[in-house]
Amino acid sequence: MKPQTEQIVTTLEELTKDEYYSLVGDAPYIIIPWEVEDKGPFSVERFLVDNTGLMPFAPEEFLSQIRATQSQAVSDHYQNLIALLQANLSELTIYGYRLPTLPEELEEGFPLQQSVFGSLGIPMLIGSSTAGE
């Protein structure tokens, strides 16, 4: 981390040391720096992918996970859905959405477990139409 960033993080940690927010109980604010040199420009999407809140899947990998965890009827449905989307969208991105990995300081007070979301998370299929929408 660059010295200037370290100084800002240290200052923020000091300013928020005795500050808490209520979500599921009182939890301290946690400073999470983003290393642009290592991770590229910051975006919410990149942050969620980096912290496993969004898990990118190639279509075949996604379908393989569906086949391993769902019935044949559900697997066939997803196979047809992916084929339809690939045929009609210029871009198709598949994510599994779940809770981001929390810093250790917050894990104890947060009641939901990652296992609630399974290995795929909540499927998100995102695409662009040929008209760019």
C-alpha atoms as a PDB file:
ATOM      1  CA  MET A   1       0.000   0.000   0.000  1.00  0.00           C
ATOM      2  CA  LYS A   2       1.292   3.472  -0.825  1.00  0.00           C
ATOM      3  CA  PRO A   3       2.364   5.622   2.148  1.00  0.00           C
ATOM      4  CA  GLN A   4      -0.322   8.235   1.440  1.00  0.00           C
ATOM      5  CA  THR A   5      -3.006   5.515   1.393  1.00  0.00           C
ATOM      6  CA  GLU A   6      -1.633   3.997   4.601  1.00  0.00           C
ATOM      7  CA  GLN A   7      -1.872   7.407   6.248  1.00  0.00           C
ATOM      8  CA  ILE A   8      -5.506   7.832   5.140  1.00  0.00           C
ATOM      9  CA  VAL A   9      -6.405   4.314   6.329  1.00  0.00           C
ATOM     10  CA  THR A  10      -4.731   4.960   9.699  1.00  0.00           C
ATOM     11  CA  THR A  11      -6.589   8.277  10.051  1.00  0.00           C
ATOM     12  CA  LEU A  12      -9.917   6.669   9.132  1.00  0.00           C
ATOM     13  CA  GLU A  13      -9.323   3.823  11.588  1.00  0.00           C
ATOM     14  CA  GLU A  14      -8.603   6.349  14.331  1.00  0.00           C
ATOM     15  CA  LEU A  15     -11.682   8.441  13.485  1.00  0.00           C
ATOM     16  CA  THR A  16     -13.982   5.408  13.487  1.00  0.00           C
ATOM     17  CA  LYS A  17     -12.357   3.562  16.413  1.00  0.00           C
ATOM     18  CA  ASP A  18     -15.296   4.030  18.780  1.00  0.00           C
ATOM     19  CA  GLU A  19     -18.008   4.327  16.105  1.00  0.00           C
ATOM     20  CA  TYR A  20     -20.545   1.548  15.546  1.00  0.00           C
ATOM     21  CA  TYR A  21     -23.440   0.954  13.199  1.00  0.00           C
ATOM     22  CA  SER A  22     -26.430  -1.219  13.922  1.00  0.00           C
ATOM     23  CA  LEU A  23     -27.257  -3.906  11.409  1.00  0.00           C
ATOM     24  CA  VAL A  24     -27.790  -7.072  13.365  1.00  0.00           C
ATOM     25  CA  GLY A  25     -26.198  -5.658  16.470  1.00  0.00           C
ATOM     26  CA  ASP A  26     -23.511  -3.093  16.955  1.00  0.00           C
ATOM     27  CA  ALA A  27     -20.543  -3.578  14.655  1.00  0.00           C
ATOM     28  CA  PRO A  28     -17.461  -1.407  14.185  1.00  0.00           C
ATOM     29  CA  TYR A  29     -16.649   0.260  10.907  1.00  0.00           C
ATOM     30  CA  ILE A  30     -13.913  -1.600   9.028  1.00  0.00           C
ATOM     31  CA  ILE A  31     -11.582   0.124   6.553  1.00  0.00           C
ATOM     32  CA  ILE A  32     -10.985  -2.029   3.470  1.00  0.00           C
ATOM     33  CA  PRO A  33      -8.358  -0.507   1.153  1.00  0.00           C
ATOM     34  CA  TRP A  34      -8.472  -1.243  -2.593  1.00  0.00           C
ATOM     35  CA  GLU A  35      -5.067  -1.819  -4.218  1.00  0.00           C
ATOM     36  CA  VAL A  36      -5.491  -0.389  -7.727  1.00  0.00           C
ATOM     37  CA  GLU A  37      -2.119  -1.737  -8.893  1.00  0.00           C
ATOM     38  CA  ASP A  38      -3.136  -5.287  -7.949  1.00  0.00           C
ATOM     39  CA  LYS A  39      -6.895  -5.256  -8.590  1.00  0.00           C
ATOM     40  CA  GLY A  40      -7.429  -2.600 -11.247  1.00  0.00           C
ATOM     41  CA  PRO A  41      -9.739   0.417 -11.003  1.00  0.00           C
ATOM     42  CA  PHE A  42     -12.347   0.182  -8.264  1.00  0.00           C
ATOM     43  CA  SER A  43     -15.924  -0.684  -9.101  1.00  0.00           C
ATOM     44  CA  VAL A  44     -18.658  -2.229  -6.984  1.00  0.00           C
ATOM     45  CA  GLU A  45     -18.663  -5.219  -9.363  1.00  0.00           C
ATOM     46  CA  ARG A  46     -14.908  -5.765  -8.923  1.00  0.00           C
ATOM     47  CA  PHE A  47     -15.219  -5.335  -5.165  1.00  0.00           C
ATOM     48  CA  LEU A  48     -17.983  -7.964  -4.969  1.00  0.00           C
ATOM     49  CA  VAL A  49     -16.077 -10.399  -7.220  1.00  0.00           C
ATOM     50  CA  ASP A  50     -12.906  -9.882  -5.163  1.00  0.00           C
ATOM     51  CA  ASN A  51     -14.830 -10.615  -1.948  1.00  0.00           C
ATOM     52  CA  THR A  52     -16.866 -13.525  -3.381  1.00  0.00           C
ATOM     53  CA  GLY A  53     -20.136 -11.570  -3.306  1.00  0.00           C
ATOM     54  CA  LEU A  54     -20.324 -12.208  -7.053  1.00  0.00           C
ATOM     55  CA  MET A  55     -18.896 -15.428  -8.426  1.00  0.00           C
ATOM     56  CA  PRO A  56     -18.419 -15.336 -12.217  1.00  0.00           C
ATOM     57  CA  PHE A  57     -19.298 -18.511 -14.108  1.00  0.00           C
ATOM     58  CA  ALA A  58     -18.660 -19.522 -17.700  1.00  0.00           C
ATOM     59  CA  PRO A  59     -21.926 -20.905 -19.151  1.00  0.00           C
ATOM     60  CA  GLU A  60     -20.693 -24.524 -19.186  1.00  0.00           C
ATOM     61  CA  GLU A  61     -19.343 -24.271 -15.640  1.00  0.00           C
ATOM     62  CA  PHE A  62     -22.702 -22.835 -14.494  1.00  0.00           C
ATOM     63  CA  LEU A  63     -24.620 -25.633 -16.240  1.00  0.00           C
ATOM     64  CA  SER A  64     -22.274 -28.226 -14.744  1.00  0.00           C
ATOM     65  CA  GLN A  65     -23.038 -26.878 -11.263  1.00  0.00           C
ATOM     66  CA  ILE A  66     -26.779 -26.989 -12.034  1.00  0.00           C
ATOM     67  CA  ARG A  67     -26.515 -30.604 -13.254  1.00  0.00           C
ATOM     68  CA  ALA A  68     -24.672 -31.567 -10.068  1.00  0.00           C
ATOM     69  CA  THR A  69     -27.205 -30.014  -7.705  1.00  0.00           C
ATOM     70  CA  GLN A  70     -30.596 -29.993  -9.453  1.00  0.00           C
ATOM     71  CA  SER A  71     -33.063 -32.422 -11.002  1.00  0.00           C
ATOM     72  CA  GLN A  72     -32.914 -33.361 -14.686  1.00  0.00           C
ATOM     73  CA  ALA A  73     -35.980 -31.191 -15.394  1.00  0.00           C
ATOM     74  CA  VAL A  74     -34.359 -28.126 -13.786  1.00  0.00           C
ATOM     75  CA  SER A  75     -31.072 -28.857 -15.583  1.00  0.00           C
ATOM     76  CA  ASP A  76     -32.882 -29.092 -18.927  1.00  0.00           C
ATOM     77  CA  HIS A  77     -34.688 -25.818 -18.198  1.00  0.00           C
ATOM     78  CA  TYR A  78     -31.387 -24.010 -17.521  1.00  0.00           C
ATOM     79  CA  GLN A  79     -29.763 -25.586 -20.588  1.00  0.00           C
ATOM     80  CA  ASN A  80     -32.601 -24.213 -22.755  1.00  0.00           C
ATOM     81  CA  LEU A  81     -32.473 -20.830 -21.007  1.00  0.00           C
ATOM     82  CA  ILE A  82     -28.716 -20.439 -21.544  1.00  0.00           C
ATOM     83  CA  ALA A  83     -29.036 -21.489 -25.199  1.00  0.00           C
ATOM     84  CA  LEU A  84     -31.830 -18.931 -25.725  1.00  0.00           C
ATOM     85  CA  LEU A  85     -29.847 -16.146 -24.059  1.00  0.00           C
ATOM     86  CA  GLN A  86     -26.660 -16.958 -25.976  1.00  0.00           C
ATOM     87  CA  ALA A  87     -28.588 -16.902 -29.252  1.00  0.00           C
ATOM     88  CA  ASN A  88     -30.262 -13.560 -28.519  1.00  0.00           C
ATOM     89  CA  LEU A  89     -27.770 -11.508 -26.522  1.00  0.00           C
ATOM     90  CA  SER A  90     -24.524  -9.970 -27.691  1.00  0.00           C
ATOM     91  CA  GLU A  91     -23.030 -10.473 -24.229  1.00  0.00           C
ATOM     92  CA  LEU A  92     -23.963 -12.929 -21.509  1.00  0.00           C
ATOM     93  CA  THR A  93     -22.434 -12.764 -18.052  1.00  0.00           C
ATOM     94  CA  ILE A  94     -23.378 -15.278 -15.370  1.00  0.00           C
ATOM     95  CA  TYR A  95     -22.788 -14.604 -11.706  1.00  0.00           C
ATOM     96  CA  GLY A  96     -23.735 -16.320  -8.508  1.00  0.00           C
ATOM     97  CA  TYR A  97     -24.699 -13.682  -5.956  1.00  0.00           C
ATOM     98  CA  ARG A  98     -24.067 -14.270  -2.252  1.00  0.00           C
ATOM     99  CA  LEU A  99     -22.794 -12.448   0.799  1.00  0.00           C
ATOM    100  CA  PRO A 100     -19.345 -10.946   0.353  1.00  0.00           C
ATOM    101  CA  THR A 101     -16.575 -12.436   2.449  1.00  0.00           C
ATOM    102  CA  LEU A 102     -16.532 -10.356   5.593  1.00  0.00           C
ATOM    103  CA  PRO A 103     -13.436  -9.204   7.443  1.00  0.00           C
ATOM    104  CA  GLU A 104     -12.760 -11.444  10.457  1.00  0.00           C
ATOM    105  CA  GLU A 105     -13.778  -8.623  12.802  1.00  0.00           C
ATOM    106  CA  LEU A 106     -17.362  -8.815  11.481  1.00  0.00           C
ATOM    107  CA  GLU A 107     -17.824 -12.561  10.956  1.00  0.00           C
ATOM    108  CA  GLU A 108     -18.817 -13.369  14.541  1.00  0.00           C
ATOM    109  CA  GLY A 109     -21.705 -10.897  14.727  1.00  0.00           C
ATOM    110  CA  PHE A 110     -23.230 -11.640  11.337  1.00  0.00           C
ATOM    111  CA  PRO A 111     -25.851 -14.397  11.575  1.00  0.00           C
ATOM    112  CA  LEU A 112     -26.091 -15.604   7.959  1.00  0.00           C
ATOM    113  CA  GLN A 113     -23.766 -18.306   6.741  1.00  0.00           C
ATOM    114  CA  GLN A 114     -22.474 -18.632   3.156  1.00  0.00           C
ATOM    115  CA  SER A 115     -23.837 -22.175   3.049  1.00  0.00           C
ATOM    116  CA  VAL A 116     -27.359 -20.697   2.902  1.00  0.00           C
ATOM    117  CA  PHE A 117     -26.595 -19.731  -0.703  1.00  0.00           C
ATOM    118  CA  GLY A 118     -25.113 -23.048  -1.844  1.00  0.00           C
ATOM    119  CA  SER A 119     -22.220 -23.403  -4.271  1.00  0.00           C
ATOM    120  CA  LEU A 120     -23.893 -21.264  -6.967  1.00  0.00           C
ATOM    121  CA  GLY A 121     -25.329 -18.500  -4.855  1.00  0.00           C
ATOM    122  CA  ILE A 122     -28.359 -16.797  -6.359  1.00  0.00           C
ATOM    123  CA  PRO A 123     -27.971 -17.015 -10.155  1.00  0.00           C
ATOM    124  CA  MET A 124     -27.770 -13.687 -11.992  1.00  0.00           C
ATOM    125  CA  LEU A 125     -27.846 -13.856 -15.786  1.00  0.00           C
ATOM    126  CA  ILE A 126     -26.935 -10.489 -17.312  1.00  0.00           C
ATOM    127  CA  GLY A 127     -26.813  -9.693 -21.002  1.00  0.00           C
ATOM    128  CA  SER A 128     -27.017  -7.018 -23.664  1.00  0.00           C
ATOM    129  CA  SER A 129     -29.494  -7.134 -26.479  1.00  0.00           C
ATOM    130  CA  THR A 130     -28.229  -6.681 -30.009  1.00  0.00           C
ATOM    131  CA  ALA A 131     -29.767  -3.179 -29.781  1.00  0.00           C
ATOM    132  CA  GLY A 132     -27.424  -2.471 -26.850  1.00  0.00           C
ATOM    133  CA  GLU A 133     -29.990  -2.659 -24.066  1.00  0.00           C
END
